[in-house]
Amino acid sequence: IRSLESELKTLESKCSEKCEEYKGVEENLNAKNKEKTELDIKIRKLENIFMQVNEEEMKSYKSKMKEKVENLKDRVKKLQPLYDELNKNYQEKSVKLQCMEKHLEAAEPNLQNAVSYTHLRAHETGRNLVCRLLLEKKKKKKK
């Protein structure tokens, strides 16, 4: 019985030591869980702040883009009359040019056939030749 009692006391003391050890582990685990919970709370707060900042940035960006679009619309409104006038002038001048081309074709049908400088010189008269040579001589003296 004494030996059993002695063994029992030894087991009780070991059990007590282990209980103390487990209490320390449990306290350490509780402390770590508390730290984790605090970190989770901080993370959620930071996520909320980040979301708010992103929303504010997006609002600001959208506002700036909206302002730029409005400015571009205003510029287009201001330029539209000028564009319309230029387009009208272009169309009028285009019609006039077509009309002039038709009159020119009717007046001088031979003007459509352009000739080279060499071809013109081949038909040069004596008087034209003398004038051209004198002009070329004058140019050479100036140089």
N, C-alpha and C. Protein backbone atom coordinates (compact mmCIF):
# COMPACT_ATOMS: atom_id res chain seq x y z
N ILE A 1 0.85 -1.17 0.00
CA ILE A 1 0.00 0.00 0.00
C ILE A 1 0.89 1.23 0.00
N ARG A 2 1.95 1.18 0.82
CA ARG A 2 2.84 2.34 0.89
C ARG A 2 3.47 2.59 -0.47
N SER A 3 3.82 1.56 -1.12
CA SER A 3 4.47 1.76 -2.42
C SER A 3 3.45 2.31 -3.43
N LEU A 4 2.20 1.86 -3.32
CA LEU A 4 1.17 2.38 -4.19
C LEU A 4 0.88 3.84 -3.88
N GLU A 5 0.88 4.13 -2.60
CA GLU A 5 0.66 5.53 -2.21
C GLU A 5 1.79 6.40 -2.72
N SER A 6 2.99 5.87 -2.60
CA SER A 6 4.16 6.61 -3.06
C SER A 6 4.07 6.82 -4.58
N GLU A 7 3.68 5.78 -5.28
CA GLU A 7 3.54 5.88 -6.72
C GLU A 7 2.44 6.86 -7.07
N LEU A 8 1.36 6.81 -6.31
CA LEU A 8 0.24 7.71 -6.52
C LEU A 8 0.68 9.16 -6.33
N LYS A 9 1.45 9.42 -5.28
CA LYS A 9 1.96 10.78 -5.03
C LYS A 9 2.87 11.21 -6.17
N THR A 10 3.70 10.32 -6.65
CA THR A 10 4.60 10.62 -7.76
C THR A 10 3.78 10.95 -9.01
N LEU A 11 2.76 10.13 -9.26
CA LEU A 11 1.91 10.38 -10.42
C LEU A 11 1.13 11.68 -10.27
N GLU A 12 0.68 11.95 -9.05
CA GLU A 12 -0.04 13.20 -8.79
C GLU A 12 0.88 14.39 -9.03
N SER A 13 2.11 14.29 -8.58
CA SER A 13 3.04 15.40 -8.76
C SER A 13 3.37 15.58 -10.24
N LYS A 14 3.57 14.45 -10.98
CA LYS A 14 3.83 14.55 -12.42
C LYS A 14 2.60 15.13 -13.13
N CYS A 15 1.43 14.65 -12.68
CA CYS A 15 0.19 15.14 -13.26
C CYS A 15 0.05 16.63 -12.99
N SER A 16 0.38 17.05 -11.80
CA SER A 16 0.32 18.46 -11.42
C SER A 16 1.28 19.28 -12.28
N GLU A 17 2.50 18.73 -12.47
CA GLU A 17 3.49 19.41 -13.31
C GLU A 17 2.97 19.55 -14.75
N LYS A 18 2.43 18.43 -15.26
CA LYS A 18 1.89 18.46 -16.62
C LYS A 18 0.72 19.43 -16.73
N CYS A 19 -0.12 19.46 -15.70
CA CYS A 19 -1.25 20.41 -15.70
C CYS A 19 -0.73 21.83 -15.74
N GLU A 20 0.30 22.11 -14.95
CA GLU A 20 0.90 23.46 -14.96
C GLU A 20 1.49 23.76 -16.33
N GLU A 21 2.14 22.75 -16.88
CA GLU A 21 2.72 22.91 -18.20
C GLU A 21 1.62 23.19 -19.23
N TYR A 22 0.54 22.42 -19.19
CA TYR A 22 -0.56 22.62 -20.11
C TYR A 22 -1.24 23.96 -19.89
N LYS A 23 -1.30 24.38 -18.62
CA LYS A 23 -1.88 25.70 -18.33
C LYS A 23 -1.05 26.78 -19.01
N GLY A 24 0.30 26.64 -18.94
CA GLY A 24 1.19 27.59 -19.61
C GLY A 24 0.99 27.57 -21.12
N VAL A 25 0.85 26.36 -21.67
CA VAL A 25 0.62 26.22 -23.11
C VAL A 25 -0.73 26.82 -23.46
N GLU A 26 -1.73 26.54 -22.63
CA GLU A 26 -3.08 27.07 -22.87
C GLU A 26 -3.09 28.60 -22.80
N GLU A 27 -2.38 29.15 -21.80
CA GLU A 27 -2.30 30.60 -21.68
C GLU A 27 -1.59 31.20 -22.89
N ASN A 28 -0.52 30.53 -23.32
CA ASN A 28 0.23 30.98 -24.50
C ASN A 28 -0.67 30.92 -25.74
N LEU A 29 -1.44 29.83 -25.87
CA LEU A 29 -2.36 29.68 -26.98
C LEU A 29 -3.44 30.75 -26.94
N ASN A 30 -3.98 31.03 -25.77
CA ASN A 30 -4.99 32.09 -25.62
C ASN A 30 -4.41 33.45 -26.00
N ALA A 31 -3.16 33.69 -25.58
CA ALA A 31 -2.51 34.96 -25.92
C ALA A 31 -2.34 35.08 -27.44
N LYS A 32 -1.92 33.96 -28.07
CA LYS A 32 -1.75 33.97 -29.53
C LYS A 32 -3.10 34.18 -30.23
N ASN A 33 -4.15 33.54 -29.72
CA ASN A 33 -5.49 33.73 -30.30
C ASN A 33 -5.95 35.18 -30.16
N LYS A 34 -5.64 35.76 -29.00
CA LYS A 34 -5.99 37.17 -28.78
C LYS A 34 -5.25 38.06 -29.77
N GLU A 35 -3.95 37.79 -29.97
CA GLU A 35 -3.14 38.56 -30.93
C GLU A 35 -3.73 38.41 -32.34
N LYS A 36 -4.08 37.16 -32.70
CA LYS A 36 -4.65 36.89 -34.02
C LYS A 36 -5.96 37.67 -34.19
N THR A 37 -6.80 37.67 -33.18
CA THR A 37 -8.07 38.39 -33.24
C THR A 37 -7.81 39.89 -33.42
N GLU A 38 -6.86 40.42 -32.67
CA GLU A 38 -6.52 41.84 -32.79
C GLU A 38 -5.99 42.16 -34.19
N LEU A 39 -5.15 41.27 -34.72
CA LEU A 39 -4.63 41.47 -36.07
C LEU A 39 -5.76 41.38 -37.11
N ASP A 40 -6.68 40.44 -36.92
CA ASP A 40 -7.82 40.34 -37.83
C ASP A 40 -8.64 41.63 -37.82
N ILE A 41 -8.85 42.20 -36.64
CA ILE A 41 -9.60 43.45 -36.52
C ILE A 41 -8.86 44.58 -37.25
N LYS A 42 -7.53 44.64 -37.05
CA LYS A 42 -6.73 45.68 -37.73
C LYS A 42 -6.79 45.50 -39.24
N ILE A 43 -6.73 44.25 -39.69
CA ILE A 43 -6.79 43.97 -41.13
C ILE A 43 -8.13 44.44 -41.70
N ARG A 44 -9.23 44.13 -40.99
CA ARG A 44 -10.55 44.56 -41.46
C ARG A 44 -10.63 46.09 -41.52
N LYS A 45 -10.08 46.76 -40.49
CA LYS A 45 -10.09 48.22 -40.49
C LYS A 45 -9.31 48.76 -41.69
N LEU A 46 -8.13 48.18 -41.93
CA LEU A 46 -7.31 48.62 -43.06
C LEU A 46 -8.03 48.35 -44.40
N GLU A 47 -8.69 47.21 -44.50
CA GLU A 47 -9.44 46.91 -45.72
C GLU A 47 -10.55 47.94 -45.94
N ASN A 48 -11.24 48.29 -44.86
CA ASN A 48 -12.30 49.31 -44.97
C ASN A 48 -11.74 50.66 -45.40
N ILE A 49 -10.61 51.03 -44.79
CA ILE A 49 -9.97 52.30 -45.16
C ILE A 49 -9.56 52.26 -46.63
N PHE A 50 -8.97 51.13 -47.04
CA PHE A 50 -8.55 50.98 -48.43
C PHE A 50 -9.74 51.10 -49.37
N MET A 51 -10.84 50.45 -49.02
CA MET A 51 -12.04 50.53 -49.86
C MET A 51 -12.56 51.97 -49.94
N GLN A 52 -12.54 52.68 -48.81
CA GLN A 52 -13.00 54.07 -48.81
C GLN A 52 -12.10 54.93 -49.68
N VAL A 53 -10.78 54.72 -49.55
CA VAL A 53 -9.83 55.50 -50.35
C VAL A 53 -10.06 55.21 -51.83
N ASN A 54 -10.23 53.93 -52.17
CA ASN A 54 -10.47 53.58 -53.58
C ASN A 54 -11.76 54.19 -54.08
N GLU A 55 -12.80 54.18 -53.27
CA GLU A 55 -14.07 54.78 -53.68
C GLU A 55 -13.90 56.28 -53.89
N GLU A 56 -13.17 56.94 -52.98
CA GLU A 56 -12.94 58.38 -53.12
C GLU A 56 -12.11 58.68 -54.35
N GLU A 57 -11.07 57.85 -54.58
CA GLU A 57 -10.25 58.05 -55.78
C GLU A 57 -11.08 57.85 -57.04
N MET A 58 -11.92 56.82 -57.03
CA MET A 58 -12.76 56.56 -58.20
C MET A 58 -13.74 57.72 -58.43
N LYS A 59 -14.32 58.23 -57.35
CA LYS A 59 -15.23 59.37 -57.49
C LYS A 59 -14.49 60.56 -58.07
N SER A 60 -13.30 60.80 -57.53
CA SER A 60 -12.49 61.93 -58.02
C SER A 60 -12.13 61.73 -59.49
N TYR A 61 -11.72 60.52 -59.85
CA TYR A 61 -11.35 60.22 -61.24
C TYR A 61 -12.56 60.39 -62.15
N LYS A 62 -13.71 59.85 -61.74
CA LYS A 62 -14.92 59.98 -62.55
C LYS A 62 -15.29 61.45 -62.71
N SER A 63 -15.14 62.21 -61.63
CA SER A 63 -15.47 63.63 -61.69
C SER A 63 -14.55 64.35 -62.69
N LYS A 64 -13.26 64.04 -62.63
CA LYS A 64 -12.31 64.67 -63.55
C LYS A 64 -12.62 64.28 -65.00
N MET A 65 -12.92 63.01 -65.23
CA MET A 65 -13.23 62.55 -66.58
C MET A 65 -14.52 63.21 -67.08
N LYS A 66 -15.50 63.33 -66.21
CA LYS A 66 -16.75 63.98 -66.59
C LYS A 66 -16.49 65.43 -66.98
N GLU A 67 -15.64 66.09 -66.21
CA GLU A 67 -15.29 67.49 -66.49
C GLU A 67 -14.58 67.60 -67.85
N LYS A 68 -13.66 66.66 -68.13
CA LYS A 68 -12.95 66.69 -69.41
C LYS A 68 -13.92 66.46 -70.57
N VAL A 69 -14.85 65.54 -70.39
CA VAL A 69 -15.84 65.27 -71.43
C VAL A 69 -16.68 66.52 -71.68
N GLU A 70 -17.10 67.18 -70.61
CA GLU A 70 -17.89 68.41 -70.76
C GLU A 70 -17.09 69.48 -71.49
N ASN A 71 -15.82 69.62 -71.14
CA ASN A 71 -14.96 70.60 -71.82
C ASN A 71 -14.85 70.29 -73.31
N LEU A 72 -14.68 68.99 -73.62
CA LEU A 72 -14.59 68.61 -75.03
C LEU A 72 -15.91 68.89 -75.76
N LYS A 73 -17.03 68.62 -75.11
CA LYS A 73 -18.33 68.91 -75.73
C LYS A 73 -18.47 70.41 -75.99
N ASP A 74 -18.04 71.23 -75.02
CA ASP A 74 -18.10 72.69 -75.21
C ASP A 74 -17.24 73.11 -76.39
N ARG A 75 -16.05 72.54 -76.49
CA ARG A 75 -15.15 72.88 -77.60
C ARG A 75 -15.77 72.49 -78.94
N VAL A 76 -16.40 71.31 -78.96
CA VAL A 76 -17.05 70.86 -80.19
C VAL A 76 -18.18 71.82 -80.56
N LYS A 77 -18.97 72.23 -79.55
CA LYS A 77 -20.07 73.18 -79.82
C LYS A 77 -19.54 74.49 -80.39
N LYS A 78 -18.41 74.95 -79.84
CA LYS A 78 -17.82 76.20 -80.32
C LYS A 78 -17.26 76.05 -81.74
N LEU A 79 -16.70 74.88 -82.03
CA LEU A 79 -16.07 74.67 -83.33
C LEU A 79 -17.06 74.26 -84.42
N GLN A 80 -18.22 73.80 -84.03
CA GLN A 80 -19.21 73.31 -85.01
C GLN A 80 -19.60 74.38 -86.04
N PRO A 81 -19.90 75.62 -85.61
CA PRO A 81 -20.24 76.64 -86.62
C PRO A 81 -19.09 76.90 -87.60
N LEU A 82 -17.88 76.92 -87.09
CA LEU A 82 -16.72 77.12 -87.95
C LEU A 82 -16.59 75.96 -88.94
N TYR A 83 -16.76 74.77 -88.45
CA TYR A 83 -16.71 73.59 -89.32
C TYR A 83 -17.80 73.67 -90.39
N ASP A 84 -19.01 74.02 -89.97
CA ASP A 84 -20.12 74.13 -90.91
C ASP A 84 -19.83 75.16 -91.99
N GLU A 85 -19.27 76.31 -91.56
CA GLU A 85 -18.96 77.37 -92.52
C GLU A 85 -17.87 76.92 -93.49
N LEU A 86 -16.82 76.28 -92.96
CA LEU A 86 -15.75 75.79 -93.83
C LEU A 86 -16.27 74.74 -94.81
N ASN A 87 -17.13 73.88 -94.32
CA ASN A 87 -17.71 72.85 -95.19
C ASN A 87 -18.56 73.49 -96.29
N LYS A 88 -19.33 74.50 -95.92
CA LYS A 88 -20.17 75.21 -96.89
C LYS A 88 -19.29 75.88 -97.95
N ASN A 89 -18.21 76.58 -97.47
CA ASN A 89 -17.29 77.25 -98.39
C ASN A 89 -16.62 76.23 -99.32
N TYR A 90 -16.24 75.10 -98.75
CA TYR A 90 -15.60 74.06 -99.56
C TYR A 90 -16.55 73.58 -100.65
N GLN A 91 -17.80 73.34 -100.27
CA GLN A 91 -18.77 72.86 -101.25
C GLN A 91 -19.03 73.90 -102.33
N GLU A 92 -19.14 75.17 -101.91
CA GLU A 92 -19.37 76.24 -102.90
C GLU A 92 -18.18 76.35 -103.85
N LYS A 93 -16.97 76.32 -103.29
CA LYS A 93 -15.78 76.44 -104.14
C LYS A 93 -15.61 75.21 -105.02
N SER A 94 -15.99 74.07 -104.50
CA SER A 94 -15.92 72.86 -105.31
C SER A 94 -16.86 72.96 -106.51
N VAL A 95 -18.06 73.46 -106.27
CA VAL A 95 -19.02 73.64 -107.36
C VAL A 95 -18.47 74.66 -108.36
N LYS A 96 -17.92 75.79 -107.85
CA LYS A 96 -17.35 76.81 -108.73
C LYS A 96 -16.20 76.24 -109.55
N LEU A 97 -15.35 75.44 -108.91
CA LEU A 97 -14.20 74.86 -109.60
C LEU A 97 -14.67 73.91 -110.70
N GLN A 98 -15.67 73.11 -110.41
CA GLN A 98 -16.20 72.21 -111.44
C GLN A 98 -16.78 73.00 -112.61
N CYS A 99 -17.46 74.06 -112.26
CA CYS A 99 -18.03 74.93 -113.30
C CYS A 99 -16.92 75.55 -114.15
N MET A 100 -15.86 76.05 -113.49
CA MET A 100 -14.74 76.66 -114.21
C MET A 100 -14.06 75.63 -115.10
N GLU A 101 -13.90 74.41 -114.61
CA GLU A 101 -13.28 73.36 -115.43
C GLU A 101 -14.09 73.09 -116.69
N LYS A 102 -15.42 73.06 -116.52
CA LYS A 102 -16.29 72.82 -117.70
C LYS A 102 -16.14 73.95 -118.71
N HIS A 103 -16.13 75.21 -118.23
CA HIS A 103 -15.97 76.36 -119.13
C HIS A 103 -14.61 76.33 -119.81
N LEU A 104 -13.59 75.96 -119.06
CA LEU A 104 -12.24 75.90 -119.61
C LEU A 104 -12.14 74.82 -120.68
N GLU A 105 -12.72 73.68 -120.40
CA GLU A 105 -12.72 72.59 -121.38
C GLU A 105 -13.45 73.02 -122.66
N ALA A 106 -14.56 73.73 -122.46
CA ALA A 106 -15.33 74.17 -123.63
C ALA A 106 -14.57 75.23 -124.42
N ALA A 107 -13.87 76.15 -123.73
CA ALA A 107 -13.17 77.25 -124.39
C ALA A 107 -11.90 76.77 -125.09
N GLU A 108 -11.13 75.95 -124.45
CA GLU A 108 -9.85 75.50 -125.00
C GLU A 108 -9.69 73.99 -124.82
N PRO A 109 -10.18 73.20 -125.69
CA PRO A 109 -10.04 71.75 -125.54
C PRO A 109 -8.60 71.29 -125.63
N ASN A 110 -7.73 72.06 -126.30
CA ASN A 110 -6.33 71.66 -126.44
C ASN A 110 -5.51 71.88 -125.17
N LEU A 111 -6.02 72.63 -124.21
CA LEU A 111 -5.27 72.86 -122.97
C LEU A 111 -5.14 71.58 -122.15
N GLN A 112 -5.99 70.61 -122.43
CA GLN A 112 -5.94 69.36 -121.67
C GLN A 112 -4.68 68.56 -122.00
N ASN A 113 -4.09 68.81 -123.18
CA ASN A 113 -2.91 68.05 -123.59
C ASN A 113 -1.66 68.85 -123.27
N ALA A 114 -1.04 68.58 -122.14
CA ALA A 114 0.17 69.29 -121.74
C ALA A 114 1.35 68.76 -122.55
N VAL A 115 2.34 69.65 -122.79
CA VAL A 115 3.53 69.25 -123.53
C VAL A 115 4.76 69.59 -122.72
N SER A 116 5.86 68.94 -123.03
CA SER A 116 7.09 69.16 -122.28
C SER A 116 7.82 70.42 -122.76
N TYR A 117 8.78 70.86 -121.96
CA TYR A 117 9.60 72.02 -122.30
C TYR A 117 10.38 71.75 -123.59
N THR A 118 10.88 70.54 -123.73
CA THR A 118 11.64 70.16 -124.93
C THR A 118 10.77 70.27 -126.18
N HIS A 119 9.51 69.83 -126.05
CA HIS A 119 8.58 69.91 -127.17
C HIS A 119 8.35 71.38 -127.57
N LEU A 120 8.21 72.24 -126.56
CA LEU A 120 8.01 73.66 -126.85
C LEU A 120 9.22 74.25 -127.55
N ARG A 121 10.41 73.88 -127.13
CA ARG A 121 11.63 74.41 -127.75
C ARG A 121 11.77 73.93 -129.20
N ALA A 122 11.24 72.77 -129.47
CA ALA A 122 11.32 72.26 -130.85
C ALA A 122 10.51 73.14 -131.79
N HIS A 123 9.47 73.80 -131.30
CA HIS A 123 8.63 74.68 -132.13
C HIS A 123 8.98 76.15 -131.94
N GLU A 124 10.11 76.42 -131.32
CA GLU A 124 10.52 77.79 -131.03
C GLU A 124 10.83 78.54 -132.32
N THR A 125 10.39 79.79 -132.36
CA THR A 125 10.67 80.62 -133.54
C THR A 125 12.02 81.28 -133.38
N GLY A 126 12.53 81.85 -134.41
CA GLY A 126 13.82 82.53 -134.36
C GLY A 126 13.82 83.70 -133.38
N ARG A 127 12.75 84.45 -133.37
CA ARG A 127 12.64 85.58 -132.45
C ARG A 127 12.65 85.12 -131.00
N ASN A 128 11.85 84.05 -130.69
CA ASN A 128 11.81 83.52 -129.32
C ASN A 128 13.18 82.99 -128.91
N LEU A 129 13.89 82.37 -129.85
CA LEU A 129 15.20 81.80 -129.56
C LEU A 129 16.17 82.90 -129.17
N VAL A 130 16.20 84.00 -129.89
CA VAL A 130 17.09 85.11 -129.58
C VAL A 130 16.78 85.67 -128.20
N CYS A 131 15.50 85.84 -127.88
CA CYS A 131 15.11 86.37 -126.57
C CYS A 131 15.54 85.43 -125.46
N ARG A 132 15.32 84.12 -125.66
CA ARG A 132 15.68 83.15 -124.62
C ARG A 132 17.19 83.14 -124.41
N LEU A 133 17.97 83.17 -125.46
CA LEU A 133 19.42 83.15 -125.35
C LEU A 133 19.93 84.41 -124.64
N LEU A 134 19.35 85.58 -124.97
CA LEU A 134 19.76 86.81 -124.31
C LEU A 134 19.46 86.76 -122.80
N LEU A 135 18.30 86.21 -122.44
CA LEU A 135 17.94 86.08 -121.03
C LEU A 135 18.89 85.14 -120.29
N GLU A 136 19.24 84.04 -120.94
CA GLU A 136 20.17 83.08 -120.32
C GLU A 136 21.56 83.70 -120.15
N LYS A 137 21.98 84.49 -121.11
CA LYS A 137 23.30 85.16 -121.04
C LYS A 137 23.31 86.16 -119.89
N LYS A 138 22.20 86.89 -119.73
CA LYS A 138 22.07 87.88 -118.67
C LYS A 138 22.16 87.20 -117.29
N LYS A 139 21.50 86.04 -117.16
CA LYS A 139 21.53 85.28 -115.90
C LYS A 139 22.96 84.84 -115.56
N LYS A 140 23.71 84.41 -116.56
CA LYS A 140 25.08 83.93 -116.34
C LYS A 140 25.98 85.07 -115.86
N LYS A 141 25.78 86.26 -116.40
CA LYS A 141 26.58 87.41 -115.99
C LYS A 141 26.31 87.78 -114.54
N LYS A 142 25.07 87.66 -114.11
CA LYS A 142 24.72 87.99 -112.73
C LYS A 142 25.37 87.05 -111.73
N LYS A 143 25.53 85.81 -112.12
CA LYS A 143 26.14 84.81 -111.23
C LYS A 143 27.60 85.08 -111.09
